[in-house]
Amino acid sequence: MTEYETLLTTITLKPKGKALYSDEATRISLDDTGDEMFVTVSQGYREIGINPEEWQHIRDAIDRIIALCDEQK
């Protein structure tokens, strides 16, 4: 008998009331190439892949840019 496991691979963040596949819906997914795992972030037909080693640098850069947005208010 084959053993199965359940794995959560995608989280969707969307504005309340919008369709699941709205261009405003953001999907964060776990993916792999067979050798390594990475995260995919997509909206509509746009998609980026993020490997674990670069995440901290990307997050730091996003935080810096968000802080600039807050300063401009």
PDB file of N, CA and C in Angstrom:
ATOM      1  N   MET A   1       0.837  -1.178   0.000  1.00  0.00           N
ATOM      2  CA  MET A   1       0.000   0.000   0.000  1.00  0.00           C
ATOM      3  C   MET A   1       0.890   1.252   0.000  1.00  0.00           C
ATOM      4  N   THR A   2       0.548   2.218  -0.839  1.00  0.00           N
ATOM      5  CA  THR A   2       1.297   3.463  -0.943  1.00  0.00           C
ATOM      6  C   THR A   2       0.960   4.386   0.212  1.00  0.00           C
ATOM      7  N   GLU A   3       1.982   4.987   0.810  1.00  0.00           N
ATOM      8  CA  GLU A   3       1.780   5.954   1.893  1.00  0.00           C
ATOM      9  C   GLU A   3       1.714   7.353   1.284  1.00  0.00           C
ATOM     10  N   TYR A   4       0.790   8.184   1.752  1.00  0.00           N
ATOM     11  CA  TYR A   4       0.615   9.544   1.239  1.00  0.00           C
ATOM     12  C   TYR A   4       0.842  10.555   2.340  1.00  0.00           C
ATOM     13  N   GLU A   5       1.216  11.771   1.926  1.00  0.00           N
ATOM     14  CA  GLU A   5       1.348  12.881   2.862  1.00  0.00           C
ATOM     15  C   GLU A   5       0.691  14.108   2.261  1.00  0.00           C
ATOM     16  N   THR A   6       0.238  14.998   3.112  1.00  0.00           N
ATOM     17  CA  THR A   6      -0.359  16.256   2.670  1.00  0.00           C
ATOM     18  C   THR A   6       0.666  17.359   2.888  1.00  0.00           C
ATOM     19  N   LEU A   7       0.871  18.190   1.872  1.00  0.00           N
ATOM     20  CA  LEU A   7       1.839  19.273   1.949  1.00  0.00           C
ATOM     21  C   LEU A   7       1.187  20.560   1.467  1.00  0.00           C
ATOM     22  N   LEU A   8       1.174  21.570   2.319  1.00  0.00           N
ATOM     23  CA  LEU A   8       0.669  22.884   1.932  1.00  0.00           C
ATOM     24  C   LEU A   8       1.705  23.527   1.019  1.00  0.00           C
ATOM     25  N   THR A   9       1.329  23.832  -0.227  1.00  0.00           N
ATOM     26  CA  THR A   9       2.299  24.363  -1.189  1.00  0.00           C
ATOM     27  C   THR A   9       1.982  25.753  -1.691  1.00  0.00           C
ATOM     28  N   THR A  10       0.765  26.266  -1.469  1.00  0.00           N
ATOM     29  CA  THR A  10       0.403  27.587  -1.980  1.00  0.00           C
ATOM     30  C   THR A  10      -0.486  28.325  -0.987  1.00  0.00           C
ATOM     31  N   ILE A  11      -0.177  29.605  -0.797  1.00  0.00           N
ATOM     32  CA  ILE A  11      -1.028  30.509  -0.028  1.00  0.00           C
ATOM     33  C   ILE A  11      -1.419  31.639  -0.973  1.00  0.00           C
ATOM     34  N   THR A  12      -2.695  31.997  -0.980  1.00  0.00           N
ATOM     35  CA  THR A  12      -3.171  33.089  -1.826  1.00  0.00           C
ATOM     36  C   THR A  12      -3.626  34.238  -0.944  1.00  0.00           C
ATOM     37  N   LEU A  13      -3.106  35.420  -1.229  1.00  0.00           N
ATOM     38  CA  LEU A  13      -3.477  36.651  -0.545  1.00  0.00           C
ATOM     39  C   LEU A  13      -4.203  37.517  -1.559  1.00  0.00           C
ATOM     40  N   LYS A  14      -5.456  37.922  -1.246  1.00  0.00           N
ATOM     41  CA  LYS A  14      -6.236  38.698  -2.212  1.00  0.00           C
ATOM     42  C   LYS A  14      -7.128  39.681  -1.471  1.00  0.00           C
ATOM     43  N   PRO A  15      -7.523  40.760  -2.153  1.00  0.00           N
ATOM     44  CA  PRO A  15      -8.485  41.674  -1.544  1.00  0.00           C
ATOM     45  C   PRO A  15      -9.811  40.948  -1.306  1.00  0.00           C
ATOM     46  N   LYS A  16     -10.408  41.180  -0.159  1.00  0.00           N
ATOM     47  CA  LYS A  16     -11.686  40.550   0.172  1.00  0.00           C
ATOM     48  C   LYS A  16     -12.716  40.896  -0.901  1.00  0.00           C
ATOM     49  N   GLY A  17     -13.445  39.902  -1.364  1.00  0.00           N
ATOM     50  CA  GLY A  17     -14.469  40.105  -2.383  1.00  0.00           C
ATOM     51  C   GLY A  17     -13.962  39.935  -3.803  1.00  0.00           C
ATOM     52  N   LYS A  18     -12.660  39.913  -4.009  1.00  0.00           N
ATOM     53  CA  LYS A  18     -12.096  39.701  -5.345  1.00  0.00           C
ATOM     54  C   LYS A  18     -12.009  38.208  -5.640  1.00  0.00           C
ATOM     55  N   ALA A  19     -11.998  37.862  -6.911  1.00  0.00           N
ATOM     56  CA  ALA A  19     -11.916  36.464  -7.327  1.00  0.00           C
ATOM     57  C   ALA A  19     -10.551  35.874  -6.963  1.00  0.00           C
ATOM     58  N   LEU A  20     -10.537  34.568  -6.774  1.00  0.00           N
ATOM     59  CA  LEU A  20      -9.313  33.864  -6.424  1.00  0.00           C
ATOM     60  C   LEU A  20      -8.205  34.107  -7.455  1.00  0.00           C
ATOM     61  N   TYR A  21      -8.562  34.166  -8.724  1.00  0.00           N
ATOM     62  CA  TYR A  21      -7.551  34.357  -9.763  1.00  0.00           C
ATOM     63  C   TYR A  21      -7.562  35.776 -10.326  1.00  0.00           C
ATOM     64  N   SER A  22      -7.943  36.737  -9.511  1.00  0.00           N
ATOM     65  CA  SER A  22      -7.875  38.149  -9.871  1.00  0.00           C
ATOM     66  C   SER A  22      -6.413  38.542 -10.072  1.00  0.00           C
ATOM     67  N   ASP A  23      -6.163  39.528 -10.918  1.00  0.00           N
ATOM     68  CA  ASP A  23      -4.798  40.047 -11.084  1.00  0.00           C
ATOM     69  C   ASP A  23      -4.273  40.656  -9.792  1.00  0.00           C
ATOM     70  N   GLU A  24      -5.167  40.957  -8.852  1.00  0.00           N
ATOM     71  CA  GLU A  24      -4.762  41.511  -7.568  1.00  0.00           C
ATOM     72  C   GLU A  24      -4.432  40.426  -6.547  1.00  0.00           C
ATOM     73  N   ALA A  25      -4.714  39.174  -6.878  1.00  0.00           N
ATOM     74  CA  ALA A  25      -4.402  38.065  -5.979  1.00  0.00           C
ATOM     75  C   ALA A  25      -2.912  37.735  -6.089  1.00  0.00           C
ATOM     76  N   THR A  26      -2.277  37.570  -4.953  1.00  0.00           N
ATOM     77  CA  THR A  26      -0.865  37.199  -4.909  1.00  0.00           C
ATOM     78  C   THR A  26      -0.763  35.772  -4.404  1.00  0.00           C
ATOM     79  N   ARG A  27      -0.061  34.939  -5.166  1.00  0.00           N
ATOM     80  CA  ARG A  27       0.132  33.552  -4.780  1.00  0.00           C
ATOM     81  C   ARG A  27       1.587  33.330  -4.378  1.00  0.00           C
ATOM     82  N   ILE A  28       1.778  32.769  -3.204  1.00  0.00           N
ATOM     83  CA  ILE A  28       3.106  32.442  -2.699  1.00  0.00           C
ATOM     84  C   ILE A  28       3.164  30.920  -2.644  1.00  0.00           C
ATOM     85  N   SER A  29       4.074  30.342  -3.434  1.00  0.00           N
ATOM     86  CA  SER A  29       4.092  28.881  -3.594  1.00  0.00           C
ATOM     87  C   SER A  29       5.460  28.288  -3.315  1.00  0.00           C
ATOM     88  N   LEU A  30       5.443  27.078  -2.787  1.00  0.00           N
ATOM     89  CA  LEU A  30       6.654  26.289  -2.612  1.00  0.00           C
ATOM     90  C   LEU A  30       6.854  25.478  -3.884  1.00  0.00           C
ATOM     91  N   ASP A  31       8.061  25.489  -4.416  1.00  0.00           N
ATOM     92  CA  ASP A  31       8.338  24.787  -5.667  1.00  0.00           C
ATOM     93  C   ASP A  31       9.700  24.133  -5.557  1.00  0.00           C
ATOM     94  N   ASP A  32      10.038  23.289  -6.496  1.00  0.00           N
ATOM     95  CA  ASP A  32      11.375  22.705  -6.496  1.00  0.00           C
ATOM     96  C   ASP A  32      11.802  22.309  -7.898  1.00  0.00           C
ATOM     97  N   THR A  33      13.095  22.185  -8.056  1.00  0.00           N
ATOM     98  CA  THR A  33      13.670  21.777  -9.339  1.00  0.00           C
ATOM     99  C   THR A  33      14.036  20.301  -9.323  1.00  0.00           C
ATOM    100  N   GLY A  34      13.762  19.641  -8.209  1.00  0.00           N
ATOM    101  CA  GLY A  34      14.195  18.259  -8.043  1.00  0.00           C
ATOM    102  C   GLY A  34      15.432  18.205  -7.172  1.00  0.00           C
ATOM    103  N   ASP A  35      16.292  19.224  -7.268  1.00  0.00           N
ATOM    104  CA  ASP A  35      17.514  19.293  -6.466  1.00  0.00           C
ATOM    105  C   ASP A  35      17.396  20.278  -5.312  1.00  0.00           C
ATOM    106  N   GLU A  36      16.622  21.359  -5.524  1.00  0.00           N
ATOM    107  CA  GLU A  36      16.500  22.364  -4.475  1.00  0.00           C
ATOM    108  C   GLU A  36      15.099  22.957  -4.466  1.00  0.00           C
ATOM    109  N   MET A  37      14.708  23.459  -3.301  1.00  0.00           N
ATOM    110  CA  MET A  37      13.389  24.079  -3.166  1.00  0.00           C
ATOM    111  C   MET A  37      13.537  25.592  -3.210  1.00  0.00           C
ATOM    112  N   PHE A  38      12.486  26.264  -3.678  1.00  0.00           N
ATOM    113  CA  PHE A  38      12.468  27.716  -3.725  1.00  0.00           C
ATOM    114  C   PHE A  38      11.030  28.182  -3.635  1.00  0.00           C
ATOM    115  N   VAL A  39      10.843  29.485  -3.479  1.00  0.00           N
ATOM    116  CA  VAL A  39       9.521  30.084  -3.362  1.00  0.00           C
ATOM    117  C   VAL A  39       9.219  30.839  -4.646  1.00  0.00           C
ATOM    118  N   THR A  40       7.994  30.739  -5.125  1.00  0.00           N
ATOM    119  CA  THR A  40       7.540  31.497  -6.276  1.00  0.00           C
ATOM    120  C   THR A  40       6.460  32.464  -5.804  1.00  0.00           C
ATOM    121  N   VAL A  41       6.573  33.724  -6.215  1.00  0.00           N
ATOM    122  CA  VAL A  41       5.566  34.738  -5.916  1.00  0.00           C
ATOM    123  C   VAL A  41       5.004  35.187  -7.256  1.00  0.00           C
ATOM    124  N   SER A  42       3.661  35.145  -7.387  1.00  0.00           N
ATOM    125  CA  SER A  42       3.071  35.513  -8.672  1.00  0.00           C
ATOM    126  C   SER A  42       1.801  36.330  -8.476  1.00  0.00           C
ATOM    127  N   GLN A  43       1.557  37.204  -9.459  1.00  0.00           N
ATOM    128  CA  GLN A  43       0.318  37.967  -9.593  1.00  0.00           C
ATOM    129  C   GLN A  43      -0.023  37.932 -11.066  1.00  0.00           C
ATOM    130  N   GLY A  44      -1.235  37.496 -11.390  1.00  0.00           N
ATOM    131  CA  GLY A  44      -1.603  37.389 -12.803  1.00  0.00           C
ATOM    132  C   GLY A  44      -0.611  36.494 -13.520  1.00  0.00           C
ATOM    133  N   TYR A  45      -0.029  37.003 -14.593  1.00  0.00           N
ATOM    134  CA  TYR A  45       0.947  36.227 -15.361  1.00  0.00           C
ATOM    135  C   TYR A  45       2.379  36.568 -14.997  1.00  0.00           C
ATOM    136  N   ARG A  46       2.570  37.424 -13.993  1.00  0.00           N
ATOM    137  CA  ARG A  46       3.915  37.798 -13.561  1.00  0.00           C
ATOM    138  C   ARG A  46       4.355  36.865 -12.445  1.00  0.00           C
ATOM    139  N   GLU A  47       5.625  36.479 -12.488  1.00  0.00           N
ATOM    140  CA  GLU A  47       6.109  35.516 -11.503  1.00  0.00           C
ATOM    141  C   GLU A  47       7.594  35.726 -11.246  1.00  0.00           C
ATOM    142  N   ILE A  48       7.995  35.611  -9.976  1.00  0.00           N
ATOM    143  CA  ILE A  48       9.422  35.608  -9.645  1.00  0.00           C
ATOM    144  C   ILE A  48       9.707  34.411  -8.758  1.00  0.00           C
ATOM    145  N   GLY A  49      10.911  33.898  -8.854  1.00  0.00           N
ATOM    146  CA  GLY A  49      11.355  32.800  -7.999  1.00  0.00           C
ATOM    147  C   GLY A  49      12.384  33.326  -7.013  1.00  0.00           C
ATOM    148  N   ILE A  50      12.308  32.872  -5.769  1.00  0.00           N
ATOM    149  CA  ILE A  50      13.219  33.328  -4.724  1.00  0.00           C
ATOM    150  C   ILE A  50      13.821  32.098  -4.053  1.00  0.00           C
ATOM    151  N   ASN A  51      15.157  32.004  -4.066  1.00  0.00           N
ATOM    152  CA  ASN A  51      15.766  30.886  -3.354  1.00  0.00           C
ATOM    153  C   ASN A  51      16.043  31.306  -1.910  1.00  0.00           C
ATOM    154  N   PRO A  52      16.127  30.371  -0.997  1.00  0.00           N
ATOM    155  CA  PRO A  52      16.272  30.705   0.419  1.00  0.00           C
ATOM    156  C   PRO A  52      17.486  31.574   0.740  1.00  0.00           C
ATOM    157  N   GLU A  53      18.578  31.410   0.018  1.00  0.00           N
ATOM    158  CA  GLU A  53      19.787  32.190   0.298  1.00  0.00           C
ATOM    159  C   GLU A  53      19.613  33.680   0.006  1.00  0.00           C
ATOM    160  N   GLU A  54      18.754  34.035  -0.925  1.00  0.00           N
ATOM    161  CA  GLU A  54      18.587  35.445  -1.280  1.00  0.00           C
ATOM    162  C   GLU A  54      17.436  36.122  -0.545  1.00  0.00           C
ATOM    163  N   TRP A  55      16.597  35.338   0.163  1.00  0.00           N
ATOM    164  CA  TRP A  55      15.404  35.910   0.774  1.00  0.00           C
ATOM    165  C   TRP A  55      15.721  37.061   1.728  1.00  0.00           C
ATOM    166  N   GLN A  56      16.673  36.885   2.632  1.00  0.00           N
ATOM    167  CA  GLN A  56      16.980  37.938   3.605  1.00  0.00           C
ATOM    168  C   GLN A  56      17.368  39.242   2.896  1.00  0.00           C
ATOM    169  N   HIS A  57      18.147  39.149   1.822  1.00  0.00           N
ATOM    170  CA  HIS A  57      18.571  40.341   1.080  1.00  0.00           C
ATOM    171  C   HIS A  57      17.381  41.010   0.389  1.00  0.00           C
ATOM    172  N   ILE A  58      16.514  40.200  -0.192  1.00  0.00           N
ATOM    173  CA  ILE A  58      15.319  40.753  -0.848  1.00  0.00           C
ATOM    174  C   ILE A  58      14.417  41.415   0.188  1.00  0.00           C
ATOM    175  N   ARG A  59      14.204  40.745   1.307  1.00  0.00           N
ATOM    176  CA  ARG A  59      13.346  41.304   2.362  1.00  0.00           C
ATOM    177  C   ARG A  59      13.921  42.615   2.896  1.00  0.00           C
ATOM    178  N   ASP A  60      15.227  42.661   3.113  1.00  0.00           N
ATOM    179  CA  ASP A  60      15.859  43.900   3.583  1.00  0.00           C
ATOM    180  C   ASP A  60      15.660  45.034   2.579  1.00  0.00           C
ATOM    181  N   ALA A  61      15.829  44.735   1.286  1.00  0.00           N
ATOM    182  CA  ALA A  61      15.661  45.755   0.247  1.00  0.00           C
ATOM    183  C   ALA A  61      14.216  46.237   0.191  1.00  0.00           C
ATOM    184  N   ILE A  62      13.271  45.327   0.292  1.00  0.00           N
ATOM    185  CA  ILE A  62      11.854  45.717   0.286  1.00  0.00           C
ATOM    186  C   ILE A  62      11.542  46.580   1.497  1.00  0.00           C
ATOM    187  N   ASP A  63      12.034  46.191   2.670  1.00  0.00           N
ATOM    188  CA  ASP A  63      11.809  46.995   3.875  1.00  0.00           C
ATOM    189  C   ASP A  63      12.365  48.409   3.715  1.00  0.00           C
ATOM    190  N   ARG A  64      13.529  48.538   3.096  1.00  0.00           N
ATOM    191  CA  ARG A  64      14.124  49.871   2.871  1.00  0.00           C
ATOM    192  C   ARG A  64      13.257  50.715   1.951  1.00  0.00           C
ATOM    193  N   ILE A  65      12.756  50.111   0.881  1.00  0.00           N
ATOM    194  CA  ILE A  65      11.930  50.845  -0.065  1.00  0.00           C
ATOM    195  C   ILE A  65      10.581  51.217   0.563  1.00  0.00           C
ATOM    196  N   ILE A  66       9.996  50.312   1.345  1.00  0.00           N
ATOM    197  CA  ILE A  66       8.741  50.617   2.039  1.00  0.00           C
ATOM    198  C   ILE A  66       8.946  51.773   3.002  1.00  0.00           C
ATOM    199  N   ALA A  67      10.057  51.816   3.690  1.00  0.00           N
ATOM    200  CA  ALA A  67      10.360  52.921   4.598  1.00  0.00           C
ATOM    201  C   ALA A  67      10.416  54.245   3.840  1.00  0.00           C
ATOM    202  N   LEU A  68      10.950  54.222   2.628  1.00  0.00           N
ATOM    203  CA  LEU A  68      10.982  55.446   1.804  1.00  0.00           C
ATOM    204  C   LEU A  68       9.573  55.888   1.440  1.00  0.00           C
ATOM    205  N   CYS A  69       8.697  54.931   1.162  1.00  0.00           N
ATOM    206  CA  CYS A  69       7.294  55.273   0.863  1.00  0.00           C
ATOM    207  C   CYS A  69       6.671  55.966   2.071  1.00  0.00           C
ATOM    208  N   ASP A  70       6.912  55.425   3.255  1.00  0.00           N
ATOM    209  CA  ASP A  70       6.368  56.004   4.467  1.00  0.00           C
ATOM    210  C   ASP A  70       6.895  57.416   4.709  1.00  0.00           C
ATOM    211  N   GLU A  71       8.152  57.653   4.367  1.00  0.00           N
ATOM    212  CA  GLU A  71       8.751  58.985   4.537  1.00  0.00           C
ATOM    213  C   GLU A  71       8.124  60.018   3.612  1.00  0.00           C
ATOM    214  N   GLN A  72       7.621  59.569   2.457  1.00  0.00           N
ATOM    215  CA  GLN A  72       7.071  60.493   1.459  1.00  0.00           C
ATOM    216  C   GLN A  72       5.629  60.910   1.765  1.00  0.00           C
ATOM    217  N   LYS A  73       5.018  60.328   2.790  1.00  0.00           N
ATOM    218  CA  LYS A  73       3.628  60.650   3.123  1.00  0.00           C
ATOM    219  C   LYS A  73       3.532  62.021   3.744  1.00  0.00           C
TER     220      LYS A  73
END
